[in-house]
Amino acid sequence: MAKSGKKGRKTRSAGRFGPRYGRKVRKIVADIEELMRSAHECQQCGSKSVSRVGTGIWHCSKCKKMFAGGTYVPQTPMGKSFQRTLAKVEEEG
């Protein structure tokens, strides 16, 4: 008989839904929540102490700065792209 690996849960944060909504939806929800709850870097002080207060509202516990950002992450990919474009424009002109 083959030895099986460690027994562990695979449901992550979406396990609260049980068998409802389907595997794909639960996986997407778990991925988003994992990304949302991870440590984020503050734009002002650079420390990884930014936490989500509400939908699109973020707060740095170190420098006490509160700012608006994306729903699930403080800075969206579109926002990062815009910042790069803005920096190029300022550099040229």
Protein backbone atom coordinates (compact mmCIF):
# COMPACT_ATOMS: atom_id res chain seq x y z
CA MET A 1 0.00 0.00 0.00
CA ALA A 2 1.37 3.40 -0.99
CA LYS A 3 1.93 5.98 1.67
CA SER A 4 -0.27 9.00 1.16
CA GLY A 5 0.81 12.60 1.69
CA LYS A 6 -0.22 14.86 4.51
CA LYS A 7 -3.90 15.24 5.04
CA GLY A 8 -4.95 18.85 4.85
CA ARG A 9 -7.73 21.12 3.79
CA LYS A 10 -7.75 22.55 0.28
CA THR A 11 -10.76 24.80 0.63
CA ARG A 12 -8.94 27.92 1.91
CA SER A 13 -11.14 30.91 2.74
CA ALA A 14 -13.94 29.86 0.36
CA GLY A 15 -14.56 26.74 2.44
CA ARG A 16 -17.30 28.64 4.23
CA PHE A 17 -19.47 28.19 1.11
CA GLY A 18 -19.38 24.40 1.40
CA PRO A 19 -20.44 22.66 -1.84
CA ARG A 20 -22.37 25.69 -3.12
CA TYR A 21 -21.52 27.86 -6.16
CA GLY A 22 -19.13 25.41 -7.86
CA ARG A 23 -15.42 24.73 -7.62
CA LYS A 24 -14.30 27.40 -10.10
CA VAL A 25 -16.15 30.26 -8.39
CA ARG A 26 -14.89 29.18 -4.95
CA LYS A 27 -11.31 29.03 -6.29
CA ILE A 28 -11.58 32.54 -7.75
CA VAL A 29 -13.00 33.89 -4.48
CA ALA A 30 -10.21 32.21 -2.48
CA ASP A 31 -7.53 33.65 -4.81
CA ILE A 32 -8.97 37.17 -4.56
CA GLU A 33 -9.29 37.00 -0.77
CA GLU A 34 -5.74 35.67 -0.40
CA LEU A 35 -4.42 38.55 -2.52
CA MET A 36 -6.54 41.08 -0.62
CA ARG A 37 -5.38 39.91 2.82
CA SER A 38 -1.68 39.69 1.96
CA ALA A 39 0.80 42.37 3.09
CA HIS A 40 0.77 45.46 0.90
CA GLU A 41 3.40 48.17 0.64
CA CYS A 42 2.55 51.74 1.59
CA GLN A 43 3.01 54.30 -1.20
CA GLN A 44 4.21 56.97 1.23
CA CYS A 45 6.45 55.27 3.82
CA GLY A 46 7.28 52.02 1.97
CA SER A 47 6.44 49.67 4.85
CA LYS A 48 4.31 46.57 4.39
CA SER A 49 1.62 47.68 6.79
CA VAL A 50 -1.34 48.57 4.55
CA SER A 51 -4.67 46.97 5.37
CA ARG A 52 -8.11 47.21 3.82
CA VAL A 53 -10.69 49.26 5.72
CA GLY A 54 -13.56 48.95 3.27
CA THR A 55 -14.26 48.65 -0.44
CA GLY A 56 -11.44 50.62 -2.07
CA ILE A 57 -10.31 52.24 1.21
CA TRP A 58 -6.83 51.39 2.48
CA HIS A 59 -4.97 52.43 5.65
CA CYS A 60 -1.28 52.30 6.59
CA SER A 61 -0.92 51.47 10.27
CA LYS A 62 2.62 52.88 10.40
CA CYS A 63 2.30 56.37 8.88
CA LYS A 64 -1.50 56.58 9.41
CA LYS A 65 -2.14 57.51 5.77
CA MET A 66 -5.59 56.61 4.46
CA PHE A 67 -6.08 56.49 0.70
CA ALA A 68 -8.36 55.21 -2.02
CA GLY A 69 -7.26 52.33 -4.19
CA GLY A 70 -8.62 49.27 -5.89
CA THR A 71 -11.34 47.09 -4.45
CA TYR A 72 -9.06 44.14 -3.69
CA VAL A 73 -5.55 45.64 -3.93
CA PRO A 74 -4.29 49.13 -3.01
CA GLN A 75 -3.05 49.88 -6.52
CA THR A 76 -4.70 48.34 -9.57
CA PRO A 77 -2.76 47.26 -12.68
CA MET A 78 -4.44 50.11 -14.59
CA GLY A 79 -3.32 52.58 -11.91
CA LYS A 80 0.27 51.34 -12.14
CA SER A 81 0.17 51.73 -15.92
CA PHE A 82 -1.16 55.27 -15.56
CA GLN A 83 1.60 56.18 -13.09
CA ARG A 84 4.27 54.95 -15.55
CA THR A 85 2.69 56.96 -18.39
CA LEU A 86 2.47 60.06 -16.20
CA ALA A 87 6.14 59.70 -15.21
CA LYS A 88 7.17 59.45 -18.89
CA VAL A 89 5.17 62.55 -19.80
CA GLU A 90 6.69 64.54 -16.93
CA GLU A 91 10.17 63.35 -17.91
CA GLU A 92 9.75 64.46 -21.54
CA GLY A 93 8.11 67.81 -20.97
